[in-house]
PDB file of N, CA and C in Angstrom:
ATOM      1  N   MET A   1     114.886 102.103 103.193  1.00  0.00           N
ATOM      2  CA  MET A   1     114.445 100.824 102.670  1.00  0.00           C
ATOM      3  C   MET A   1     114.436 100.914 101.152  1.00  0.00           C
ATOM      4  N   PRO A   2     114.994  99.931 100.475  1.00  0.00           N
ATOM      5  CA  PRO A   2     114.990  99.975  99.014  1.00  0.00           C
ATOM      6  C   PRO A   2     113.581  99.793  98.462  1.00  0.00           C
ATOM      7  N   ALA A   3     113.380 100.315  97.280  1.00  0.00           N
ATOM      8  CA  ALA A   3     112.080 100.159  96.633  1.00  0.00           C
ATOM      9  C   ALA A   3     111.835  98.683  96.339  1.00  0.00           C
ATOM     10  N   ASN A   4     110.588  98.280  96.411  1.00  0.00           N
ATOM     11  CA  ASN A   4     110.225  96.899  96.127  1.00  0.00           C
ATOM     12  C   ASN A   4     110.572  96.595  94.670  1.00  0.00           C
ATOM     13  N   PRO A   5     111.314  95.519  94.384  1.00  0.00           N
ATOM     14  CA  PRO A   5     111.761  95.244  93.027  1.00  0.00           C
ATOM     15  C   PRO A   5     110.636  95.018  92.022  1.00  0.00           C
ATOM     16  N   ARG A   6     109.555  94.433  92.450  1.00  0.00           N
ATOM     17  CA  ARG A   6     108.421  94.189  91.553  1.00  0.00           C
ATOM     18  C   ARG A   6     107.142  94.583  92.284  1.00  0.00           C
ATOM     19  N   PRO A   7     106.201  95.227  91.603  1.00  0.00           N
ATOM     20  CA  PRO A   7     104.924  95.529  92.257  1.00  0.00           C
ATOM     21  C   PRO A   7     104.245  94.233  92.681  1.00  0.00           C
ATOM     22  N   GLY A   8     103.770  94.174  93.891  1.00  0.00           N
ATOM     23  CA  GLY A   8     103.088  92.985  94.392  1.00  0.00           C
ATOM     24  C   GLY A   8     104.011  91.910  94.932  1.00  0.00           C
ATOM     25  N   ALA A   9     105.328  92.086  94.821  1.00  0.00           N
ATOM     26  CA  ALA A   9     106.263  91.088  95.347  1.00  0.00           C
ATOM     27  C   ALA A   9     106.346  91.229  96.860  1.00  0.00           C
ATOM     28  N   ARG A  10     106.453  90.137  97.555  1.00  0.00           N
ATOM     29  CA  ARG A  10     106.554  90.141  99.005  1.00  0.00           C
ATOM     30  C   ARG A  10     107.996  90.331  99.434  1.00  0.00           C
ATOM     31  N   VAL A  11     108.191  91.164 100.427  1.00  0.00           N
ATOM     32  CA  VAL A  11     109.531  91.374 100.984  1.00  0.00           C
ATOM     33  C   VAL A  11     109.869  90.164 101.844  1.00  0.00           C
ATOM     34  N   CYS A  12     111.092  89.684 101.722  1.00  0.00           N
ATOM     35  CA  CYS A  12     111.543  88.523 102.488  1.00  0.00           C
ATOM     36  C   CYS A  12     111.442  88.816 103.982  1.00  0.00           C
ATOM     37  N   GLY A  13     110.830  87.930 104.728  1.00  0.00           N
ATOM     38  CA  GLY A  13     110.673  88.098 106.169  1.00  0.00           C
ATOM     39  C   GLY A  13     111.944  87.851 106.958  1.00  0.00           C
ATOM     40  N   HIS A  14     112.925  87.230 106.336  1.00  0.00           N
ATOM     41  CA  HIS A  14     114.173  86.937 107.037  1.00  0.00           C
ATOM     42  C   HIS A  14     115.136  88.116 106.983  1.00  0.00           C
ATOM     43  N   CYS A  15     115.178  88.813 105.862  1.00  0.00           N
ATOM     44  CA  CYS A  15     116.144  89.910 105.704  1.00  0.00           C
ATOM     45  C   CYS A  15     115.465  91.275 105.579  1.00  0.00           C
ATOM     46  N   ASP A  16     114.136  91.323 105.568  1.00  0.00           N
ATOM     47  CA  ASP A  16     113.365  92.561 105.443  1.00  0.00           C
ATOM     48  C   ASP A  16     113.745  93.375 104.214  1.00  0.00           C
ATOM     49  N   GLY A  17     114.110  92.730 103.131  1.00  0.00           N
ATOM     50  CA  GLY A  17     114.410  93.418 101.894  1.00  0.00           C
ATOM     51  C   GLY A  17     115.852  93.873 101.749  1.00  0.00           C
ATOM     52  N   PHE A  18     116.704  93.535 102.713  1.00  0.00           N
ATOM     53  CA  PHE A  18     118.137  93.840 102.622  1.00  0.00           C
ATOM     54  C   PHE A  18     118.876  92.522 102.430  1.00  0.00           C
ATOM     55  N   PRO A  19     118.885  91.975 101.209  1.00  0.00           N
ATOM     56  CA  PRO A  19     119.337  90.607 100.982  1.00  0.00           C
ATOM     57  C   PRO A  19     120.843  90.384 101.004  1.00  0.00           C
ATOM     58  N   VAL A  20     121.643  91.433 100.815  1.00  0.00           N
ATOM     59  CA  VAL A  20     123.097  91.258 100.789  1.00  0.00           C
ATOM     60  C   VAL A  20     123.709  92.266 101.748  1.00  0.00           C
ATOM     61  N   VAL A  21     124.576  91.794 102.624  1.00  0.00           N
ATOM     62  CA  VAL A  21     125.250  92.679 103.572  1.00  0.00           C
ATOM     63  C   VAL A  21     126.750  92.512 103.443  1.00  0.00           C
ATOM     64  N   ALA A  22     127.489  93.529 103.850  1.00  0.00           N
ATOM     65  CA  ALA A  22     128.949  93.470 103.869  1.00  0.00           C
ATOM     66  C   ALA A  22     129.386  93.421 105.330  1.00  0.00           C
ATOM     67  N   ILE A  23     130.181  92.436 105.666  1.00  0.00           N
ATOM     68  CA  ILE A  23     130.665  92.245 107.031  1.00  0.00           C
ATOM     69  C   ILE A  23     132.172  92.447 107.034  1.00  0.00           C
ATOM     70  N   THR A  24     132.646  93.322 107.919  1.00  0.00           N
ATOM     71  CA  THR A  24     134.089  93.534 107.980  1.00  0.00           C
ATOM     72  C   THR A  24     134.726  92.405 108.776  1.00  0.00           C
ATOM     73  N   THR A  25     135.901  91.992 108.345  1.00  0.00           N
ATOM     74  CA  THR A  25     136.605  90.899 109.007  1.00  0.00           C
ATOM     75  C   THR A  25     137.565  91.405 110.068  1.00  0.00           C
ATOM     76  N   GLY A  26     137.835  92.709 110.067  1.00  0.00           N
ATOM     77  CA  GLY A  26     138.788  93.263 111.011  1.00  0.00           C
ATOM     78  C   GLY A  26     140.194  93.322 110.453  1.00  0.00           C
ATOM     79  N   THR A  27     140.433  92.646 109.363  1.00  0.00           N
ATOM     80  CA  THR A  27     141.749  92.637 108.727  1.00  0.00           C
ATOM     81  C   THR A  27     141.896  93.885 107.861  1.00  0.00           C
ATOM     82  N   ARG A  28     143.052  94.503 107.917  1.00  0.00           N
ATOM     83  CA  ARG A  28     143.323  95.666 107.069  1.00  0.00           C
ATOM     84  C   ARG A  28     144.106  95.237 105.834  1.00  0.00           C
ATOM     85  N   LEU A  29     143.730  95.784 104.693  1.00  0.00           N
ATOM     86  CA  LEU A  29     144.433  95.538 103.437  1.00  0.00           C
ATOM     87  C   LEU A  29     145.629  96.483 103.344  1.00  0.00           C
ATOM     88  N   PRO A  30     146.570  96.228 102.432  1.00  0.00           N
ATOM     89  CA  PRO A  30     147.748  97.087 102.314  1.00  0.00           C
ATOM     90  C   PRO A  30     147.433  98.574 102.076  1.00  0.00           C
ATOM     91  N   ASP A  31     146.285  98.874 101.450  1.00  0.00           N
ATOM     92  CA  ASP A  31     145.931 100.278 101.212  1.00  0.00           C
ATOM     93  C   ASP A  31     145.262 100.937 102.414  1.00  0.00           C
ATOM     94  N   GLY A  32     145.060 100.193 103.504  1.00  0.00           N
ATOM     95  CA  GLY A  32     144.480 100.740 104.728  1.00  0.00           C
ATOM     96  C   GLY A  32     142.997 100.477 104.886  1.00  0.00           C
ATOM     97  N   SER A  33     142.336  99.991 103.844  1.00  0.00           N
ATOM     98  CA  SER A  33     140.910  99.693 103.960  1.00  0.00           C
ATOM     99  C   SER A  33     140.717  98.355 104.658  1.00  0.00           C
ATOM    100  N   ARG A  34     139.508  98.087 105.050  1.00  0.00           N
ATOM    101  CA  ARG A  34     139.196  96.827 105.735  1.00  0.00           C
ATOM    102  C   ARG A  34     138.717  95.778 104.744  1.00  0.00           C
ATOM    103  N   ALA A  35     139.081  94.532 105.000  1.00  0.00           N
ATOM    104  CA  ALA A  35     138.600  93.422 104.181  1.00  0.00           C
ATOM    105  C   ALA A  35     137.147  93.140 104.571  1.00  0.00           C
ATOM    106  N   THR A  36     136.284  92.921 103.577  1.00  0.00           N
ATOM    107  CA  THR A  36     134.870  92.652 103.845  1.00  0.00           C
ATOM    108  C   THR A  36     134.422  91.380 103.144  1.00  0.00           C
ATOM    109  N   LEU A  37     133.379  90.797 103.676  1.00  0.00           N
ATOM    110  CA  LEU A  37     132.739  89.626 103.075  1.00  0.00           C
ATOM    111  C   LEU A  37     131.330  90.030 102.681  1.00  0.00           C
ATOM    112  N   ARG A  38     130.894  89.656 101.484  1.00  0.00           N
ATOM    113  CA  ARG A  38     129.516  89.876 101.067  1.00  0.00           C
ATOM    114  C   ARG A  38     128.732  88.598 101.367  1.00  0.00           C
ATOM    115  N   VAL A  39     127.655  88.738 102.134  1.00  0.00           N
ATOM    116  CA  VAL A  39     126.852  87.593 102.534  1.00  0.00           C
ATOM    117  C   VAL A  39     125.418  87.809 102.063  1.00  0.00           C
ATOM    118  N   SER A  40     124.864  86.814 101.373  1.00  0.00           N
ATOM    119  CA  SER A  40     123.488  86.875 100.874  1.00  0.00           C
ATOM    120  C   SER A  40     122.554  86.142 101.825  1.00  0.00           C
ATOM    121  N   CYS A  41     121.318  86.590 101.883  1.00  0.00           N
ATOM    122  CA  CYS A  41     120.300  85.953 102.714  1.00  0.00           C
ATOM    123  C   CYS A  41     120.059  84.530 102.199  1.00  0.00           C
ATOM    124  N   PRO A  42     120.176  83.522 103.063  1.00  0.00           N
ATOM    125  CA  PRO A  42     119.965  82.150 102.597  1.00  0.00           C
ATOM    126  C   PRO A  42     118.497  81.829 102.295  1.00  0.00           C
ATOM    127  N   ALA A  43     117.574  82.578 102.894  1.00  0.00           N
ATOM    128  CA  ALA A  43     116.156  82.285 102.677  1.00  0.00           C
ATOM    129  C   ALA A  43     115.684  82.705 101.290  1.00  0.00           C
ATOM    130  N   CYS A  44     116.155  83.862 100.814  1.00  0.00           N
ATOM    131  CA  CYS A  44     115.687  84.360  99.506  1.00  0.00           C
ATOM    132  C   CYS A  44     116.779  84.322  98.441  1.00  0.00           C
ATOM    133  N   SER A  45     117.935  83.796  98.775  1.00  0.00           N
ATOM    134  CA  SER A  45     119.079  83.690  97.854  1.00  0.00           C
ATOM    135  C   SER A  45     119.513  85.048  97.298  1.00  0.00           C
ATOM    136  N   GLY A  46     119.362  86.085  98.105  1.00  0.00           N
ATOM    137  CA  GLY A  46     119.823  87.404  97.704  1.00  0.00           C
ATOM    138  C   GLY A  46     118.876  88.194  96.832  1.00  0.00           C
ATOM    139  N   SER A  47     117.626  87.754  96.690  1.00  0.00           N
ATOM    140  CA  SER A  47     116.680  88.490  95.840  1.00  0.00           C
ATOM    141  C   SER A  47     115.915  89.560  96.616  1.00  0.00           C
ATOM    142  N   GLY A  48     115.757  89.384  97.936  1.00  0.00           N
ATOM    143  CA  GLY A  48     115.027  90.348  98.751  1.00  0.00           C
ATOM    144  C   GLY A  48     113.529  90.123  98.780  1.00  0.00           C
ATOM    145  N   THR A  49     113.055  89.157  98.008  1.00  0.00           N
ATOM    146  CA  THR A  49     111.625  88.860  97.978  1.00  0.00           C
ATOM    147  C   THR A  49     111.403  87.399  98.359  1.00  0.00           C
ATOM    148  N   SER A  50     110.209  87.116  98.816  1.00  0.00           N
ATOM    149  CA  SER A  50     109.884  85.741  99.172  1.00  0.00           C
ATOM    150  C   SER A  50     108.770  85.240  98.271  1.00  0.00           C
ATOM    151  N   ARG A  51     108.700  83.964  98.143  1.00  0.00           N
ATOM    152  CA  ARG A  51     107.638  83.359  97.335  1.00  0.00           C
ATOM    153  C   ARG A  51     106.373  83.281  98.172  1.00  0.00           C
ATOM    154  N   PRO A  52     105.215  83.388  97.542  1.00  0.00           N
ATOM    155  CA  PRO A  52     103.967  83.218  98.295  1.00  0.00           C
ATOM    156  C   PRO A  52     103.903  81.817  98.891  1.00  0.00           C
ATOM    157  N   ALA A  53     103.244  81.705 100.022  1.00  0.00           N
ATOM    158  CA  ALA A  53     103.097  80.411 100.677  1.00  0.00           C
ATOM    159  C   ALA A  53     102.322  79.462  99.770  1.00  0.00           C
ATOM    160  N   ALA A  54     102.693  78.207  99.807  1.00  0.00           N
ATOM    161  CA  ALA A  54     102.015  77.203  98.988  1.00  0.00           C
ATOM    162  C   ALA A  54     100.585  77.010  99.491  1.00  0.00           C
ATOM    163  N   VAL A  55      99.666  76.903  98.577  1.00  0.00           N
ATOM    164  CA  VAL A  55      98.268  76.682  98.931  1.00  0.00           C
ATOM    165  C   VAL A  55      98.042  75.184  99.018  1.00  0.00           C
ATOM    166  N   PRO A  56      97.463  74.704 100.131  1.00  0.00           N
ATOM    167  CA  PRO A  56      97.210  73.264 100.262  1.00  0.00           C
ATOM    168  C   PRO A  56      96.308  72.755  99.132  1.00  0.00           C
ATOM    169  N   ALA A  57      96.494  71.498  98.760  1.00  0.00           N
ATOM    170  CA  ALA A  57      95.733  70.903  97.664  1.00  0.00           C
ATOM    171  C   ALA A  57      94.240  70.911  97.962  1.00  0.00           C
ATOM    172  N   SER A  58      93.856  70.758  99.219  1.00  0.00           N
ATOM    173  CA  SER A  58      92.438  70.747  99.559  1.00  0.00           C
ATOM    174  C   SER A  58      91.811  72.118  99.300  1.00  0.00           C
ATOM    175  N   ALA A  59      92.558  73.203  99.473  1.00  0.00           N
ATOM    176  CA  ALA A  59      92.024  74.534  99.213  1.00  0.00           C
ATOM    177  C   ALA A  59      91.897  74.785  97.714  1.00  0.00           C
ATOM    178  N   ARG A  60      92.842  74.249  96.935  1.00  0.00           N
ATOM    179  CA  ARG A  60      92.773  74.425  95.486  1.00  0.00           C
ATOM    180  C   ARG A  60      91.603  73.658  94.895  1.00  0.00           C
ATOM    181  N   ALA A  61      91.279  72.506  95.461  1.00  0.00           N
ATOM    182  CA  ALA A  61      90.229  71.649  94.914  1.00  0.00           C
ATOM    183  C   ALA A  61      88.846  72.105  95.368  1.00  0.00           C
ATOM    184  N   GLY A  62      88.772  73.097  96.273  1.00  0.00           N
ATOM    185  CA  GLY A  62      87.492  73.571  96.746  1.00  0.00           C
ATOM    186  C   GLY A  62      86.900  72.701  97.838  1.00  0.00           C
ATOM    187  N   VAL A  63      87.699  71.857  98.447  1.00  0.00           N
ATOM    188  CA  VAL A  63      87.223  70.974  99.522  1.00  0.00           C
ATOM    189  C   VAL A  63      87.235  71.763 100.809  1.00  0.00           C
ATOM    190  N   SER A  64      86.133  71.768 101.523  1.00  0.00           N
ATOM    191  CA  SER A  64      86.088  72.462 102.808  1.00  0.00           C
ATOM    192  C   SER A  64      86.160  71.444 103.934  1.00  0.00           C
ATOM    193  N   CYS A  65      86.665  71.881 105.054  1.00  0.00           N
ATOM    194  CA  CYS A  65      86.841  70.979 106.204  1.00  0.00           C
ATOM    195  C   CYS A  65      85.617  70.903 107.046  1.00  0.00           C
TER     196      CYS A  65
END
């Protein structure tokens, strides 16, 4: 697992901190290697971290239910 990019940053729950993957297409290039696609996590846009959940306005204002 890669080190957390920032202390206190949350790891993305969709990609578990592995935001970019390489997927082989099965096609071989002239040099014999395989063609790959780099795909970024759509939830975190390839950063590997997630934003904290938004706090409802009632909680910020100190209103209790």
